[in-house]
Amino acid sequence: MLLIDVDHFKHMNDKYGHTTGDQVIKQVAELNLASSRQSDYVGHSGGEEFALILSVSPLIKAREITERLRKNIADFTFDGVDGDVTVSIGIAEFNAAYLSITDWINAADTALYNAKRQGRNQVVFA
């Protein structure tokens, strides 16, 4: 599971307005879809956050997919935005240590916030 958060989104909304912010969210959603495989599940979890579940992916493949997604977003020219739009991504591999889906989501969320704390525009694994 990947949890994806647009970096400095509040600042972007304040600087460019909510219409541009909404357009950035739509474009990030399109990039998420374009970077995923047909067997993956992509969703908008709210605000500037997205979730992506990679189906049947060894960790090495998940790293490749996740880094490609991060780079595609960082390299994209967003409508109405001067400068880069980046994302922080937390990833947690499903395993028996998680007693519930909530534990799995919380692990990915913790990894996401570690990516934010460590400077943003990066992928951190739980």
N, C-alpha and C. Protein backbone atom coordinates (compact mmCIF):
# COMPACT_ATOMS: atom_id res chain seq x y z
N MET A 1 0.84 -1.18 0.00
CA MET A 1 0.00 0.00 0.00
C MET A 1 0.88 1.24 0.00
N LEU A 2 0.54 2.15 -0.89
CA LEU A 2 1.21 3.44 -0.94
C LEU A 2 0.22 4.50 -0.48
N LEU A 3 0.67 5.38 0.38
CA LEU A 3 -0.07 6.59 0.71
C LEU A 3 0.74 7.74 0.14
N ILE A 4 0.07 8.57 -0.65
CA ILE A 4 0.72 9.62 -1.43
C ILE A 4 0.13 10.96 -1.00
N ASP A 5 0.98 11.92 -0.69
CA ASP A 5 0.52 13.23 -0.24
C ASP A 5 1.26 14.31 -1.04
N VAL A 6 0.50 15.25 -1.59
CA VAL A 6 1.10 16.35 -2.34
C VAL A 6 1.79 17.28 -1.34
N ASP A 7 3.07 17.52 -1.57
CA ASP A 7 3.86 18.36 -0.68
C ASP A 7 3.43 19.82 -0.76
N HIS A 8 3.36 20.46 0.40
CA HIS A 8 3.06 21.90 0.52
C HIS A 8 1.77 22.30 -0.20
N PHE A 9 0.77 21.44 -0.14
CA PHE A 9 -0.47 21.71 -0.87
C PHE A 9 -1.20 22.94 -0.34
N LYS A 10 -1.22 23.14 0.96
CA LYS A 10 -1.90 24.31 1.53
C LYS A 10 -1.28 25.59 1.00
N HIS A 11 0.03 25.62 0.95
CA HIS A 11 0.73 26.79 0.42
C HIS A 11 0.35 27.02 -1.05
N MET A 12 0.24 25.92 -1.81
CA MET A 12 -0.13 26.02 -3.21
C MET A 12 -1.54 26.61 -3.36
N ASN A 13 -2.47 26.12 -2.54
CA ASN A 13 -3.83 26.65 -2.56
C ASN A 13 -3.84 28.14 -2.20
N ASP A 14 -3.07 28.50 -1.19
CA ASP A 14 -3.01 29.91 -0.76
C ASP A 14 -2.42 30.80 -1.85
N LYS A 15 -1.40 30.30 -2.54
CA LYS A 15 -0.70 31.10 -3.55
C LYS A 15 -1.47 31.19 -4.87
N TYR A 16 -2.03 30.05 -5.32
CA TYR A 16 -2.64 30.00 -6.65
C TYR A 16 -4.16 29.94 -6.65
N GLY A 17 -4.75 29.69 -5.49
CA GLY A 17 -6.20 29.58 -5.40
C GLY A 17 -6.68 28.14 -5.46
N HIS A 18 -7.90 27.96 -4.98
CA HIS A 18 -8.46 26.62 -4.88
C HIS A 18 -8.77 25.99 -6.24
N THR A 19 -9.07 26.80 -7.23
CA THR A 19 -9.33 26.25 -8.56
C THR A 19 -8.07 25.59 -9.12
N THR A 20 -6.95 26.26 -8.99
CA THR A 20 -5.67 25.67 -9.42
C THR A 20 -5.33 24.46 -8.56
N GLY A 21 -5.57 24.56 -7.25
CA GLY A 21 -5.32 23.41 -6.37
C GLY A 21 -6.15 22.21 -6.78
N ASP A 22 -7.41 22.43 -7.11
CA ASP A 22 -8.27 21.34 -7.58
C ASP A 22 -7.72 20.73 -8.88
N GLN A 23 -7.22 21.57 -9.75
CA GLN A 23 -6.64 21.08 -11.01
C GLN A 23 -5.40 20.25 -10.74
N VAL A 24 -4.58 20.67 -9.79
CA VAL A 24 -3.39 19.89 -9.42
C VAL A 24 -3.81 18.51 -8.91
N ILE A 25 -4.84 18.46 -8.07
CA ILE A 25 -5.33 17.18 -7.54
C ILE A 25 -5.77 16.28 -8.69
N LYS A 26 -6.49 16.83 -9.65
CA LYS A 26 -6.94 16.03 -10.81
C LYS A 26 -5.75 15.52 -11.61
N GLN A 27 -4.77 16.38 -11.81
CA GLN A 27 -3.60 15.96 -12.59
C GLN A 27 -2.77 14.92 -11.85
N VAL A 28 -2.64 15.06 -10.53
CA VAL A 28 -1.94 14.03 -9.74
C VAL A 28 -2.70 12.71 -9.84
N ALA A 29 -4.02 12.76 -9.79
CA ALA A 29 -4.82 11.54 -9.92
C ALA A 29 -4.56 10.87 -11.27
N GLU A 30 -4.51 11.65 -12.33
CA GLU A 30 -4.24 11.11 -13.66
C GLU A 30 -2.84 10.49 -13.72
N LEU A 31 -1.87 11.14 -13.10
CA LEU A 31 -0.51 10.59 -13.08
C LEU A 31 -0.45 9.31 -12.26
N ASN A 32 -1.20 9.26 -11.15
CA ASN A 32 -1.27 8.03 -10.36
C ASN A 32 -1.80 6.88 -11.22
N LEU A 33 -2.86 7.15 -11.95
CA LEU A 33 -3.44 6.12 -12.82
C LEU A 33 -2.47 5.71 -13.93
N ALA A 34 -1.82 6.68 -14.54
CA ALA A 34 -0.90 6.39 -15.63
C ALA A 34 0.32 5.60 -15.16
N SER A 35 0.71 5.76 -13.89
CA SER A 35 1.89 5.09 -13.36
C SER A 35 1.57 3.73 -12.76
N SER A 36 0.29 3.41 -12.65
CA SER A 36 -0.10 2.13 -12.05
C SER A 36 -0.39 1.11 -13.14
N ARG A 37 -0.54 -0.13 -12.71
CA ARG A 37 -0.87 -1.21 -13.63
C ARG A 37 -2.36 -1.49 -13.56
N GLN A 38 -2.88 -2.18 -14.53
CA GLN A 38 -4.31 -2.47 -14.55
C GLN A 38 -4.74 -3.28 -13.33
N SER A 39 -3.86 -4.05 -12.76
CA SER A 39 -4.19 -4.88 -11.60
C SER A 39 -4.12 -4.13 -10.27
N ASP A 40 -3.66 -2.88 -10.29
CA ASP A 40 -3.54 -2.07 -9.07
C ASP A 40 -4.84 -1.34 -8.77
N TYR A 41 -4.95 -0.85 -7.55
CA TYR A 41 -6.12 -0.08 -7.12
C TYR A 41 -5.66 1.31 -6.72
N VAL A 42 -6.26 2.33 -7.34
CA VAL A 42 -5.88 3.71 -7.08
C VAL A 42 -7.10 4.44 -6.55
N GLY A 43 -6.91 5.23 -5.50
CA GLY A 43 -8.02 5.99 -4.96
C GLY A 43 -7.58 7.33 -4.40
N HIS A 44 -8.53 8.25 -4.35
CA HIS A 44 -8.32 9.56 -3.73
C HIS A 44 -8.89 9.44 -2.32
N SER A 45 -8.02 9.51 -1.33
CA SER A 45 -8.48 9.28 0.04
C SER A 45 -8.97 10.56 0.73
N GLY A 46 -8.79 11.71 0.07
CA GLY A 46 -9.28 12.97 0.63
C GLY A 46 -8.23 14.05 0.56
N GLY A 47 -8.70 15.28 0.40
CA GLY A 47 -7.76 16.41 0.36
C GLY A 47 -6.72 16.21 -0.72
N GLU A 48 -5.46 16.25 -0.31
CA GLU A 48 -4.35 16.07 -1.24
C GLU A 48 -3.71 14.70 -1.09
N GLU A 49 -4.45 13.75 -0.55
CA GLU A 49 -3.92 12.41 -0.32
C GLU A 49 -4.56 11.37 -1.22
N PHE A 50 -3.73 10.42 -1.62
CA PHE A 50 -4.16 9.31 -2.47
C PHE A 50 -3.65 8.01 -1.87
N ALA A 51 -4.31 6.92 -2.22
CA ALA A 51 -3.87 5.59 -1.82
C ALA A 51 -3.76 4.74 -3.08
N LEU A 52 -2.76 3.89 -3.09
CA LEU A 52 -2.57 2.98 -4.21
C LEU A 52 -2.20 1.63 -3.63
N ILE A 53 -2.93 0.61 -4.02
CA ILE A 53 -2.62 -0.75 -3.59
C ILE A 53 -2.06 -1.49 -4.78
N LEU A 54 -0.82 -1.93 -4.64
CA LEU A 54 -0.16 -2.69 -5.69
C LEU A 54 -0.48 -4.17 -5.46
N SER A 55 -1.10 -4.78 -6.44
CA SER A 55 -1.46 -6.19 -6.27
C SER A 55 -0.29 -7.08 -6.67
N VAL A 56 -0.08 -8.09 -5.89
CA VAL A 56 0.92 -9.13 -6.13
C VAL A 56 2.24 -8.55 -6.65
N SER A 57 2.88 -7.76 -5.82
CA SER A 57 4.13 -7.12 -6.21
C SER A 57 5.21 -7.43 -5.19
N PRO A 58 6.30 -8.03 -5.64
CA PRO A 58 7.43 -8.17 -4.72
C PRO A 58 7.96 -6.78 -4.38
N LEU A 59 8.61 -6.67 -3.26
CA LEU A 59 9.07 -5.37 -2.78
C LEU A 59 9.94 -4.65 -3.80
N ILE A 60 10.77 -5.36 -4.52
CA ILE A 60 11.64 -4.72 -5.51
C ILE A 60 10.81 -4.07 -6.61
N LYS A 61 9.72 -4.71 -7.03
CA LYS A 61 8.84 -4.13 -8.06
C LYS A 61 8.08 -2.93 -7.49
N ALA A 62 7.67 -3.03 -6.23
CA ALA A 62 6.98 -1.91 -5.58
C ALA A 62 7.89 -0.69 -5.52
N ARG A 63 9.15 -0.90 -5.21
CA ARG A 63 10.11 0.21 -5.18
C ARG A 63 10.20 0.89 -6.55
N GLU A 64 10.28 0.07 -7.59
CA GLU A 64 10.39 0.57 -8.96
C GLU A 64 9.15 1.39 -9.35
N ILE A 65 7.98 0.85 -9.09
CA ILE A 65 6.72 1.52 -9.42
C ILE A 65 6.59 2.83 -8.65
N THR A 66 6.90 2.78 -7.36
CA THR A 66 6.75 3.94 -6.50
C THR A 66 7.71 5.06 -6.88
N GLU A 67 8.93 4.72 -7.17
CA GLU A 67 9.91 5.73 -7.55
C GLU A 67 9.55 6.32 -8.91
N ARG A 68 9.05 5.50 -9.83
CA ARG A 68 8.62 6.01 -11.14
C ARG A 68 7.47 7.01 -10.96
N LEU A 69 6.53 6.68 -10.10
CA LEU A 69 5.40 7.58 -9.82
C LEU A 69 5.89 8.90 -9.25
N ARG A 70 6.76 8.85 -8.24
CA ARG A 70 7.28 10.07 -7.63
C ARG A 70 7.98 10.94 -8.67
N LYS A 71 8.79 10.33 -9.49
CA LYS A 71 9.54 11.06 -10.52
C LYS A 71 8.60 11.63 -11.58
N ASN A 72 7.60 10.86 -12.01
CA ASN A 72 6.65 11.36 -13.02
C ASN A 72 5.94 12.62 -12.53
N ILE A 73 5.58 12.64 -11.26
CA ILE A 73 4.91 13.82 -10.70
C ILE A 73 5.88 14.99 -10.60
N ALA A 74 7.09 14.74 -10.12
CA ALA A 74 8.09 15.82 -9.97
C ALA A 74 8.47 16.42 -11.32
N ASP A 75 8.45 15.62 -12.38
CA ASP A 75 8.85 16.09 -13.71
C ASP A 75 7.71 16.71 -14.51
N PHE A 76 6.49 16.57 -14.04
CA PHE A 76 5.31 17.03 -14.77
C PHE A 76 5.16 18.55 -14.63
N THR A 77 4.72 19.21 -15.70
CA THR A 77 4.42 20.64 -15.65
C THR A 77 2.93 20.80 -15.38
N PHE A 78 2.59 21.27 -14.19
CA PHE A 78 1.20 21.42 -13.77
C PHE A 78 0.63 22.73 -14.27
N ASP A 79 -0.61 22.69 -14.71
CA ASP A 79 -1.30 23.88 -15.20
C ASP A 79 -1.41 24.94 -14.12
N GLY A 80 -0.96 26.16 -14.43
CA GLY A 80 -1.14 27.29 -13.53
C GLY A 80 -0.20 27.36 -12.35
N VAL A 81 0.81 26.49 -12.31
CA VAL A 81 1.73 26.46 -11.16
C VAL A 81 3.15 26.75 -11.65
N ASP A 82 3.76 27.76 -11.05
CA ASP A 82 5.16 28.04 -11.34
C ASP A 82 6.00 27.21 -10.39
N GLY A 83 6.90 26.42 -10.91
CA GLY A 83 7.74 25.58 -10.06
C GLY A 83 7.23 24.16 -10.00
N ASP A 84 7.89 23.39 -9.18
CA ASP A 84 7.62 21.96 -9.11
C ASP A 84 6.51 21.63 -8.13
N VAL A 85 5.79 20.59 -8.45
CA VAL A 85 4.86 19.94 -7.53
C VAL A 85 5.47 18.58 -7.22
N THR A 86 5.61 18.28 -5.95
CA THR A 86 6.20 17.00 -5.56
C THR A 86 5.26 16.28 -4.60
N VAL A 87 5.55 15.00 -4.40
CA VAL A 87 4.77 14.20 -3.46
C VAL A 87 5.71 13.45 -2.53
N SER A 88 5.20 13.18 -1.35
CA SER A 88 5.85 12.28 -0.40
C SER A 88 5.03 11.00 -0.41
N ILE A 89 5.72 9.86 -0.33
CA ILE A 89 5.04 8.57 -0.41
C ILE A 89 5.51 7.67 0.72
N GLY A 90 4.54 7.11 1.43
CA GLY A 90 4.82 6.09 2.43
C GLY A 90 4.31 4.76 1.90
N ILE A 91 5.10 3.72 2.09
CA ILE A 91 4.72 2.41 1.57
C ILE A 91 4.88 1.35 2.65
N ALA A 92 3.89 0.49 2.73
CA ALA A 92 3.93 -0.63 3.68
C ALA A 92 3.54 -1.89 2.94
N GLU A 93 4.39 -2.90 3.09
CA GLU A 93 4.11 -4.20 2.49
C GLU A 93 3.19 -4.98 3.42
N PHE A 94 2.13 -5.55 2.86
CA PHE A 94 1.20 -6.32 3.69
C PHE A 94 1.90 -7.58 4.18
N ASN A 95 1.76 -7.84 5.48
CA ASN A 95 2.32 -9.07 6.04
C ASN A 95 1.53 -9.48 7.28
N ALA A 96 1.84 -10.62 7.82
CA ALA A 96 1.09 -11.20 8.94
C ALA A 96 1.26 -10.41 10.24
N ALA A 97 2.23 -9.51 10.30
CA ALA A 97 2.42 -8.71 11.52
C ALA A 97 1.26 -7.74 11.75
N TYR A 98 0.57 -7.38 10.68
CA TYR A 98 -0.57 -6.47 10.82
C TYR A 98 -1.79 -7.28 11.22
N LEU A 99 -2.39 -6.91 12.33
CA LEU A 99 -3.55 -7.64 12.84
C LEU A 99 -4.83 -7.21 12.15
N SER A 100 -4.77 -6.06 11.45
CA SER A 100 -5.97 -5.58 10.76
C SER A 100 -5.55 -4.70 9.59
N ILE A 101 -6.51 -4.39 8.75
CA ILE A 101 -6.26 -3.46 7.65
C ILE A 101 -5.85 -2.10 8.20
N THR A 102 -6.44 -1.71 9.32
CA THR A 102 -6.11 -0.43 9.95
C THR A 102 -4.63 -0.39 10.32
N ASP A 103 -4.09 -1.50 10.84
CA ASP A 103 -2.65 -1.55 11.17
C ASP A 103 -1.80 -1.34 9.92
N TRP A 104 -2.22 -1.94 8.82
CA TRP A 104 -1.50 -1.80 7.55
C TRP A 104 -1.53 -0.35 7.07
N ILE A 105 -2.70 0.26 7.12
CA ILE A 105 -2.84 1.66 6.72
C ILE A 105 -2.00 2.56 7.62
N ASN A 106 -2.05 2.30 8.93
CA ASN A 106 -1.26 3.11 9.87
C ASN A 106 0.23 3.00 9.61
N ALA A 107 0.70 1.81 9.22
CA ALA A 107 2.12 1.64 8.90
C ALA A 107 2.50 2.47 7.68
N ALA A 108 1.66 2.46 6.65
CA ALA A 108 1.93 3.28 5.47
C ALA A 108 1.86 4.76 5.82
N ASP A 109 0.93 5.14 6.68
CA ASP A 109 0.78 6.53 7.10
C ASP A 109 2.01 7.00 7.88
N THR A 110 2.51 6.16 8.76
CA THR A 110 3.73 6.50 9.50
C THR A 110 4.91 6.68 8.55
N ALA A 111 5.03 5.81 7.56
CA ALA A 111 6.09 5.95 6.56
C ALA A 111 5.94 7.24 5.78
N LEU A 112 4.69 7.60 5.44
CA LEU A 112 4.42 8.86 4.73
C LEU A 112 4.90 10.05 5.55
N TYR A 113 4.55 10.09 6.83
CA TYR A 113 4.96 11.22 7.65
C TYR A 113 6.47 11.24 7.88
N ASN A 114 7.11 10.08 7.86
CA ASN A 114 8.57 10.06 7.92
C ASN A 114 9.16 10.67 6.65
N ALA A 115 8.54 10.40 5.50
CA ALA A 115 9.00 11.02 4.25
C ALA A 115 8.87 12.54 4.33
N LYS A 116 7.78 13.02 4.92
CA LYS A 116 7.59 14.47 5.08
C LYS A 116 8.67 15.05 6.01
N ARG A 117 8.88 14.38 7.14
CA ARG A 117 9.85 14.87 8.13
C ARG A 117 11.27 14.86 7.59
N GLN A 118 11.55 13.93 6.68
CA GLN A 118 12.91 13.79 6.16
C GLN A 118 13.17 14.68 4.95
N GLY A 119 12.23 15.57 4.61
CA GLY A 119 12.49 16.54 3.57
C GLY A 119 11.54 16.53 2.38
N ARG A 120 10.58 15.64 2.35
CA ARG A 120 9.58 15.58 1.27
C ARG A 120 10.18 15.10 -0.05
N ASN A 121 9.30 14.91 -1.04
CA ASN A 121 9.68 14.46 -2.38
C ASN A 121 10.52 13.19 -2.31
N GLN A 122 10.03 12.23 -1.53
CA GLN A 122 10.75 10.96 -1.41
C GLN A 122 9.80 9.85 -1.01
N VAL A 123 10.33 8.64 -1.11
CA VAL A 123 9.58 7.44 -0.74
C VAL A 123 10.22 6.85 0.51
N VAL A 124 9.39 6.53 1.50
CA VAL A 124 9.89 5.89 2.71
C VAL A 124 9.08 4.61 2.93
N PHE A 125 9.78 3.53 3.22
CA PHE A 125 9.17 2.23 3.47
C PHE A 125 9.00 1.99 4.95
N ALA A 126 7.87 1.38 5.32
CA ALA A 126 7.60 1.05 6.72
C ALA A 126 8.48 -0.11 7.16
